[in-house]
Amino acid sequence: MKDPLEGQETMHRVWRGLGMLLLWLAFVTLLLQGAGYVLFNHTGFRAFAEYGYPTGIYVSHPRLGFIYAPGFSGHFYGAAYQHIPIEINAHGFRDKPFQSKRPPTARVLMVGDSVVFGAGVAAQARFTALLDAAWQPGAEMLNLGVNAYTFGHYVTLAELDFLGLQPDYVLLGFTLNDIKAPGDDMGRGRLEQYGVGARPDWYITMERAARTSYAWRFVQEVWLRVRLGMMSAQASAEYHTRWMHSVVDFWKRDVERARLEEEVKRWQALLAARSVPFGIVLFPELNALRGPQEFGYPRQAARALFERLRVAYCDPYARFAGQADLPALFLANDGVHYSPAGHALIGEAVRECAVRGLLPGAPGSPAQSSAGRGAVAAGTPLVR
């Protein structure tokens, strides 16, 4: 017969072991929390971990596939981006509340993807906010950026009459992968991963609490640096250029270029029918700036398309290429999304394009312009 005292002693050992384990975990968590606090607040380092989207930010849309959840409030999930809030207005965009248009206000809509949305930066640091503050009184800019949108989404927005926002001018931010078709799979995947109802509320609450801790952020950042550090030189180079290689491949496909051309023509027709002028901002990409021989084809093909269709556009490439520290214009470990310094440079370039008549109809452009085509060169200071 088993001795009851022996069984009790075994249970005591088990509980003591669990208690010691919990104390050890608490001690390690406190150490990581302290290390993270110092790292993210007192070292000034540039994080490698990406910005990350919070769960619950998307809802489905019958025409667009997905859009941001109206009224959503949260923060980026990435290790160094937890302090940056994401506030979505009642129309489903990351901007101040859109009020009814009041003449004679000139309303400019800025449509685009995650670059326009401002991935990894505060809303007030985006080039759209800078332009909104810099343009003459009586002009306002509304930010309609949604990450993962492509040119097909922008056409759909135009078909939906820009959700009744009544623009006087439309700027379209063109990232080089906007050539891709919208695709239902992309929308479903985002809704399943980040959409409203994708996970139970209790899970989302716990996830947000964990991800906002310095301990979680510290581990995330260290793990990514270890992974990157273990890569061979070739693997590291491939990691940093994979996105741009895929974009180059897309632009070299005749069927993709032909589809994009039809989408641009459709866009032109829709805005012409509403008598709304527009222009396109062609966003520079880090790999293309560093290696134009290898990665320059998409930008050149896009410029050729816009010029053939007589589309007014602004290309800040030369202004970016003239900067001494190119990586500082982009988020760390990212060749697509801009840092606050990059957003400021985009804002300067757009204003310069307008002043020089390259975006006819935009605030700041000459009333009558015969130079409404082509790209702006770098270097000319803006006149405030």
Protein backbone atom coordinates (compact mmCIF):
# COMPACT_ATOMS: atom_id res chain seq x y z
CA MET A 1 0.00 0.00 0.00
CA LYS A 2 1.30 3.44 -1.02
CA ASP A 3 2.33 5.69 1.84
CA PRO A 4 0.07 8.82 1.89
CA LEU A 5 2.91 10.89 3.30
CA GLU A 6 5.09 9.94 0.36
CA GLY A 7 2.34 11.07 -2.04
CA GLN A 8 1.99 14.37 -0.21
CA GLU A 9 5.73 14.92 -0.35
CA THR A 10 5.70 14.28 -4.10
CA MET A 11 2.94 16.84 -4.59
CA HIS A 12 4.86 19.34 -2.46
CA ARG A 13 7.93 18.84 -4.65
CA VAL A 14 5.82 19.35 -7.77
CA TRP A 15 4.32 22.56 -6.42
CA ARG A 16 7.72 23.81 -5.25
CA GLY A 17 9.08 23.10 -8.72
CA LEU A 18 6.22 24.95 -10.38
CA GLY A 19 6.67 27.85 -7.98
CA MET A 20 10.39 28.05 -8.71
CA LEU A 21 9.66 27.87 -12.45
CA LEU A 22 7.16 30.72 -12.20
CA LEU A 23 9.61 32.80 -10.15
CA TRP A 24 12.33 32.12 -12.69
CA LEU A 25 10.04 33.09 -15.57
CA ALA A 26 9.04 36.27 -13.73
CA PHE A 27 12.72 37.09 -13.14
CA VAL A 28 13.63 36.51 -16.80
CA THR A 29 10.62 38.57 -17.93
CA LEU A 30 11.68 41.45 -15.71
CA LEU A 31 15.21 41.27 -17.09
CA LEU A 32 13.89 41.29 -20.67
CA GLN A 33 11.48 44.08 -19.81
CA GLY A 34 14.33 46.19 -18.46
CA ALA A 35 16.59 45.40 -21.40
CA GLY A 36 13.82 46.30 -23.82
CA TYR A 37 13.09 49.54 -22.02
CA VAL A 38 16.72 50.63 -22.28
CA LEU A 39 17.04 49.45 -25.90
CA PHE A 40 13.94 51.18 -27.22
CA ASN A 41 14.16 54.38 -25.17
CA HIS A 42 17.82 55.17 -24.54
CA THR A 43 19.99 53.81 -27.36
CA GLY A 44 18.61 55.49 -30.49
CA PHE A 45 19.04 52.30 -32.52
CA ARG A 46 17.06 51.51 -35.70
CA ALA A 47 14.95 48.42 -35.25
CA PHE A 48 14.96 45.59 -37.78
CA ALA A 49 11.56 44.14 -36.91
CA GLU A 50 8.80 45.28 -39.28
CA TYR A 51 6.00 47.60 -38.23
CA GLY A 52 3.22 44.93 -38.10
CA TYR A 53 -0.54 45.42 -38.38
CA PRO A 54 -2.85 44.90 -35.39
CA THR A 55 -5.64 42.35 -35.34
CA GLY A 56 -9.07 43.82 -35.99
CA ILE A 57 -7.96 46.57 -38.35
CA TYR A 58 -9.82 45.24 -41.43
CA VAL A 59 -13.42 44.66 -42.42
CA SER A 60 -14.66 43.20 -45.70
CA HIS A 61 -16.01 45.40 -48.48
CA PRO A 62 -18.27 44.16 -51.29
CA ARG A 63 -16.33 45.94 -54.05
CA LEU A 64 -12.87 46.66 -52.66
CA GLY A 65 -12.47 43.32 -50.91
CA PHE A 66 -11.29 44.88 -47.65
CA ILE A 67 -10.99 48.28 -46.04
CA TYR A 68 -10.00 49.51 -42.59
CA ALA A 69 -12.59 49.08 -39.87
CA PRO A 70 -14.32 52.44 -39.31
CA GLY A 71 -13.53 53.76 -35.86
CA PHE A 72 -10.66 51.32 -35.26
CA SER A 73 -8.08 52.43 -32.69
CA GLY A 74 -4.82 50.61 -32.07
CA HIS A 75 -1.04 50.64 -32.55
CA PHE A 76 1.50 49.08 -34.86
CA TYR A 77 2.66 45.70 -33.55
CA GLY A 78 6.33 45.82 -34.58
CA ALA A 79 9.07 45.93 -31.97
CA ALA A 80 10.01 49.58 -32.41
CA TYR A 81 6.63 50.87 -33.53
CA GLN A 82 4.42 50.19 -30.50
CA HIS A 83 4.22 53.86 -29.61
CA ILE A 84 2.74 54.81 -33.00
CA PRO A 85 -1.08 54.90 -32.94
CA ILE A 86 -3.40 53.95 -35.77
CA GLU A 87 -6.70 55.83 -35.71
CA ILE A 88 -9.23 55.03 -38.43
CA ASN A 89 -12.01 57.51 -39.12
CA ALA A 90 -15.67 56.82 -39.86
CA HIS A 91 -14.98 56.51 -43.60
CA GLY A 92 -12.43 53.73 -43.03
CA PHE A 93 -9.19 55.66 -43.54
CA ARG A 94 -6.26 56.67 -41.33
CA ASP A 95 -6.92 60.38 -41.18
CA LYS A 96 -8.79 63.02 -39.26
CA PRO A 97 -12.61 62.82 -39.50
CA PHE A 98 -13.77 63.81 -42.97
CA GLN A 99 -16.18 66.71 -42.74
CA SER A 100 -18.72 67.74 -45.34
CA LYS A 101 -17.07 69.72 -48.07
CA ARG A 102 -17.56 73.46 -47.72
CA PRO A 103 -16.89 75.63 -50.77
CA PRO A 104 -14.62 77.31 -51.65
CA THR A 105 -12.35 74.70 -50.05
CA ALA A 106 -10.29 72.83 -52.66
CA ARG A 107 -10.31 69.16 -51.67
CA VAL A 108 -7.42 66.91 -52.72
CA LEU A 109 -7.69 63.15 -52.29
CA MET A 110 -4.50 61.12 -51.95
CA VAL A 111 -5.16 57.47 -52.86
CA GLY A 112 -2.55 54.76 -52.56
CA ASP A 113 -1.28 51.76 -50.64
CA SER A 114 0.78 51.28 -47.47
CA VAL A 115 3.21 54.06 -48.44
CA VAL A 116 0.36 56.59 -48.49
CA PHE A 117 -1.18 54.97 -45.39
CA GLY A 118 2.12 55.65 -43.63
CA ALA A 119 3.34 52.22 -42.54
CA GLY A 120 5.60 52.56 -39.52
CA VAL A 121 5.27 56.33 -39.06
CA ALA A 122 2.96 58.60 -37.12
CA ALA A 123 0.03 60.06 -39.05
CA GLN A 124 1.34 63.60 -38.63
CA ALA A 125 4.74 62.61 -40.10
CA ARG A 126 3.29 61.43 -43.44
CA PHE A 127 3.85 63.53 -46.54
CA THR A 128 0.08 64.03 -46.88
CA ALA A 129 -0.09 65.74 -43.48
CA LEU A 130 2.91 67.88 -44.38
CA LEU A 131 1.30 68.90 -47.67
CA ASP A 132 -2.01 69.59 -45.95
CA ALA A 133 -0.24 72.01 -43.62
CA ALA A 134 1.94 73.61 -46.31
CA TRP A 135 -0.55 74.34 -49.08
CA GLN A 136 -2.27 77.67 -49.31
CA PRO A 137 -5.34 78.35 -47.15
CA GLY A 138 -8.48 76.90 -48.62
CA ALA A 139 -6.92 73.59 -49.74
CA GLU A 140 -7.21 70.35 -47.80
CA MET A 141 -5.77 66.89 -48.39
CA LEU A 142 -7.52 63.67 -47.36
CA ASN A 143 -5.48 60.48 -47.03
CA LEU A 144 -7.17 57.42 -48.58
CA GLY A 145 -4.19 55.06 -48.33
CA VAL A 146 -4.87 51.36 -47.63
CA ASN A 147 -2.02 48.87 -47.45
CA ALA A 148 -1.93 46.19 -50.17
CA TYR A 149 -4.16 48.17 -52.52
CA THR A 150 -3.12 48.13 -56.17
CA PHE A 151 -4.17 50.14 -59.22
CA GLY A 152 -7.28 48.02 -59.62
CA HIS A 153 -8.42 49.13 -56.16
CA TYR A 154 -7.90 52.77 -57.11
CA VAL A 155 -10.08 52.27 -60.18
CA THR A 156 -12.78 50.75 -57.96
CA LEU A 157 -12.59 53.75 -55.63
CA ALA A 158 -13.16 56.00 -58.64
CA GLU A 159 -16.10 53.81 -59.74
CA LEU A 160 -17.53 54.28 -56.23
CA ASP A 161 -17.18 58.06 -56.76
CA PHE A 162 -14.55 58.14 -54.01
CA LEU A 163 -17.22 57.30 -51.43
CA GLY A 164 -18.89 60.66 -51.94
CA LEU A 165 -15.87 62.73 -50.85
CA GLN A 166 -16.20 65.17 -53.79
CA PRO A 167 -12.57 65.79 -54.80
CA ASP A 168 -11.40 68.80 -56.77
CA TYR A 169 -8.12 67.05 -57.49
CA VAL A 170 -6.82 63.51 -56.98
CA LEU A 171 -3.25 62.44 -56.39
CA LEU A 172 -2.44 58.75 -56.83
CA GLY A 173 0.60 57.39 -55.03
CA PHE A 174 2.09 54.71 -57.26
CA THR A 175 4.29 52.03 -55.71
CA LEU A 176 6.01 49.82 -58.26
CA ASN A 177 4.11 46.67 -57.23
CA ASP A 178 0.79 48.39 -57.94
CA ILE A 179 0.95 46.64 -61.29
CA LYS A 180 -0.35 43.49 -59.61
CA ALA A 181 -4.03 42.57 -59.88
CA PRO A 182 -6.08 43.14 -56.69
CA GLY A 183 -6.79 39.41 -56.22
CA ASP A 184 -9.43 37.95 -53.91
CA ASP A 185 -6.88 35.70 -52.20
CA MET A 186 -4.93 38.69 -50.90
CA GLY A 187 -8.06 40.23 -49.40
CA ARG A 188 -9.24 36.99 -47.82
CA GLY A 189 -5.81 36.34 -46.34
CA ARG A 190 -5.67 39.74 -44.68
CA LEU A 191 -9.19 39.46 -43.34
CA GLU A 192 -8.44 36.01 -41.91
CA GLN A 193 -5.23 37.19 -40.28
CA TYR A 194 -6.05 40.75 -39.21
CA GLY A 195 -9.77 41.25 -39.75
CA VAL A 196 -12.52 41.93 -37.26
CA GLY A 197 -13.56 38.58 -35.79
CA ALA A 198 -10.39 36.82 -36.98
CA ARG A 199 -9.68 35.84 -33.36
CA PRO A 200 -11.73 35.89 -30.15
CA ASP A 201 -11.79 39.17 -28.23
CA TRP A 202 -9.99 37.64 -25.25
CA TYR A 203 -7.17 36.47 -27.51
CA ILE A 204 -6.82 39.91 -29.09
CA THR A 205 -6.70 41.53 -25.64
CA MET A 206 -3.95 39.16 -24.49
CA GLU A 207 -2.07 39.55 -27.77
CA ARG A 208 -2.10 43.33 -27.53
CA ALA A 209 -0.95 43.23 -23.92
CA ALA A 210 1.93 40.87 -24.77
CA ARG A 211 3.04 42.72 -27.88
CA THR A 212 3.15 46.08 -26.13
CA SER A 213 5.52 44.76 -23.45
CA TYR A 214 9.18 45.66 -23.72
CA ALA A 215 10.06 42.00 -23.10
CA TRP A 216 8.15 40.82 -26.20
CA ARG A 217 9.59 43.59 -28.33
CA PHE A 218 13.13 42.87 -27.14
CA VAL A 219 12.86 39.15 -27.91
CA GLN A 220 11.32 39.87 -31.31
CA GLU A 221 14.12 42.25 -32.23
CA VAL A 222 16.94 40.00 -30.97
CA TRP A 223 15.51 36.95 -32.74
CA LEU A 224 15.30 38.77 -36.06
CA ARG A 225 18.86 40.07 -35.73
CA VAL A 226 20.12 36.57 -34.93
CA ARG A 227 18.32 35.16 -37.98
CA LEU A 228 19.75 37.84 -40.24
CA GLY A 229 23.19 37.45 -38.70
CA MET A 230 23.19 33.72 -39.44
CA MET A 231 22.43 34.26 -43.12
CA SER A 232 25.18 33.88 -45.65
CA ALA A 233 26.14 36.94 -47.68
CA GLN A 234 24.19 35.61 -50.65
CA ALA A 235 21.10 34.80 -48.56
CA SER A 236 21.24 38.23 -46.93
CA ALA A 237 21.44 39.93 -50.33
CA GLU A 238 18.49 37.88 -51.57
CA TYR A 239 16.49 38.72 -48.43
CA HIS A 240 16.89 42.46 -49.06
CA THR A 241 16.20 42.33 -52.80
CA ARG A 242 13.52 39.63 -53.02
CA TRP A 243 10.63 42.11 -53.17
CA MET A 244 12.17 44.17 -55.93
CA HIS A 245 13.13 41.12 -57.98
CA SER A 246 9.49 40.00 -57.91
CA VAL A 247 8.39 43.47 -59.03
CA VAL A 248 10.84 43.43 -61.93
CA ASP A 249 9.49 40.02 -62.98
CA PHE A 250 5.92 41.34 -62.98
CA TRP A 251 6.82 44.37 -65.09
CA LYS A 252 8.49 42.16 -67.69
CA ARG A 253 5.27 40.23 -68.32
CA ASP A 254 3.37 41.55 -71.33
CA VAL A 255 0.00 40.53 -69.87
CA GLU A 256 0.60 42.45 -66.63
CA ARG A 257 1.69 45.62 -68.42
CA ALA A 258 -1.29 45.40 -70.77
CA ARG A 259 -3.70 45.00 -67.85
CA LEU A 260 -2.18 47.96 -66.02
CA GLU A 261 -2.49 50.09 -69.15
CA GLU A 262 -6.19 49.27 -69.39
CA GLU A 263 -6.63 50.13 -65.70
CA VAL A 264 -4.91 53.50 -66.20
CA LYS A 265 -7.14 54.23 -69.19
CA ARG A 266 -10.21 53.30 -67.16
CA TRP A 267 -9.01 55.58 -64.36
CA GLN A 268 -8.52 58.44 -66.83
CA ALA A 269 -12.01 57.99 -68.24
CA LEU A 270 -13.66 57.90 -64.82
CA LEU A 271 -11.99 61.11 -63.65
CA ALA A 272 -12.55 62.85 -66.97
CA ALA A 273 -16.27 62.06 -66.72
CA ARG A 274 -16.29 63.87 -63.37
CA SER A 275 -14.10 66.74 -64.65
CA VAL A 276 -11.60 66.03 -61.87
CA PRO A 277 -7.92 66.53 -62.75
CA PHE A 278 -5.37 64.12 -61.31
CA GLY A 279 -1.68 63.40 -61.10
CA ILE A 280 0.47 60.42 -60.11
CA VAL A 281 3.37 60.38 -57.66
CA LEU A 282 5.86 57.65 -58.59
CA PHE A 283 7.43 56.45 -55.34
CA PRO A 284 11.20 55.68 -55.44
CA GLU A 285 12.37 52.33 -54.04
CA LEU A 286 15.68 51.80 -52.24
CA ASN A 287 17.00 48.93 -54.37
CA ALA A 288 16.22 50.85 -57.56
CA LEU A 289 18.06 53.88 -56.15
CA ARG A 290 21.10 51.78 -55.28
CA GLY A 291 21.08 49.61 -58.38
CA PRO A 292 19.29 51.30 -61.27
CA GLN A 293 20.94 48.97 -63.79
CA GLU A 294 19.45 45.89 -62.11
CA PHE A 295 16.21 47.28 -60.72
CA GLY A 296 15.41 50.35 -62.81
CA TYR A 297 13.18 48.72 -65.42
CA PRO A 298 9.82 49.02 -63.56
CA ARG A 299 10.26 52.74 -62.99
CA GLN A 300 11.28 53.38 -66.59
CA ALA A 301 8.36 51.28 -67.87
CA ALA A 302 5.93 53.16 -65.61
CA ARG A 303 7.22 56.53 -66.82
CA ALA A 304 6.93 55.40 -70.43
CA LEU A 305 3.34 54.28 -69.83
CA PHE A 306 2.33 57.56 -68.19
CA GLU A 307 3.94 59.61 -70.95
CA ARG A 308 2.33 57.53 -73.71
CA LEU A 309 -1.09 58.02 -72.11
CA ARG A 310 -0.36 61.70 -71.37
CA VAL A 311 -0.73 61.29 -67.63
CA ALA A 312 0.70 64.05 -65.44
CA TYR A 313 3.15 62.57 -62.96
CA CYS A 314 5.79 63.52 -60.42
CA ASP A 315 8.92 61.38 -60.10
CA PRO A 316 11.03 62.26 -57.00
CA TYR A 317 13.70 59.70 -57.97
CA ALA A 318 16.42 62.27 -58.73
CA ARG A 319 15.71 64.16 -55.51
CA PHE A 320 16.07 60.93 -53.53
CA ALA A 321 19.17 59.79 -55.45
CA GLY A 322 20.91 63.04 -54.53
CA GLN A 323 20.69 62.33 -50.80
CA ALA A 324 23.84 61.27 -48.95
CA ASP A 325 22.18 58.69 -46.66
CA LEU A 326 19.64 56.71 -48.68
CA PRO A 327 18.77 54.12 -45.96
CA ALA A 328 17.79 56.96 -43.60
CA LEU A 329 14.92 57.79 -45.96
CA PHE A 330 13.35 54.37 -45.42
CA LEU A 331 12.26 52.30 -42.46
CA ALA A 332 15.00 50.02 -41.14
CA ASN A 333 15.34 46.78 -43.06
CA ASP A 334 12.80 48.08 -45.60
CA GLY A 335 13.32 49.42 -49.10
CA VAL A 336 9.72 50.46 -49.79
CA HIS A 337 8.24 52.35 -46.85
CA TYR A 338 9.57 55.75 -45.89
CA SER A 339 10.88 57.08 -42.62
CA PRO A 340 9.70 60.55 -41.54
CA ALA A 341 12.69 61.96 -43.46
CA GLY A 342 11.56 60.13 -46.60
CA HIS A 343 8.00 61.37 -46.21
CA ALA A 344 9.29 64.93 -45.85
CA LEU A 345 11.26 64.53 -49.08
CA ILE A 346 8.19 63.19 -50.93
CA GLY A 347 6.20 66.16 -49.70
CA GLU A 348 8.85 68.59 -50.95
CA ALA A 349 8.96 66.88 -54.34
CA VAL A 350 5.17 67.00 -54.78
CA ARG A 351 5.07 70.70 -53.93
CA GLU A 352 7.91 71.36 -56.36
CA CYS A 353 6.10 69.43 -59.08
CA ALA A 354 2.99 71.53 -58.46
CA VAL A 355 4.91 74.82 -58.51
CA ARG A 356 6.58 73.87 -61.77
CA GLY A 357 3.27 73.01 -63.40
CA LEU A 358 3.98 69.29 -63.63
CA LEU A 359 0.80 68.48 -61.71
CA PRO A 360 -1.72 70.86 -63.33
CA GLY A 361 -4.72 71.44 -61.14
CA ALA A 362 -2.92 70.67 -57.88
CA PRO A 363 -2.73 73.34 -55.16
CA GLY A 364 0.25 75.55 -55.85
CA SER A 365 0.32 74.88 -59.59
CA PRO A 366 0.10 77.74 -62.12
CA ALA A 367 -3.45 78.59 -63.14
CA GLN A 368 -2.59 78.02 -66.81
CA SER A 369 0.17 75.52 -67.48
CA SER A 370 1.49 74.15 -70.71
CA ALA A 371 4.06 71.99 -68.92
CA GLY A 372 1.71 69.46 -67.41
CA ARG A 373 3.67 66.34 -68.36
CA GLY A 374 6.85 64.67 -67.25
CA ALA A 375 8.99 64.33 -64.15
CA VAL A 376 10.65 66.83 -61.86
CA ALA A 377 14.39 66.99 -61.39
CA ALA A 378 15.97 67.16 -57.95
CA GLY A 379 17.61 70.13 -56.34
CA THR A 380 15.33 73.15 -56.84
CA PRO A 381 14.36 74.53 -53.41
CA LEU A 382 10.67 74.97 -52.81
CA VAL A 383 9.30 78.46 -52.41
CA ARG A 384 7.06 78.57 -49.38
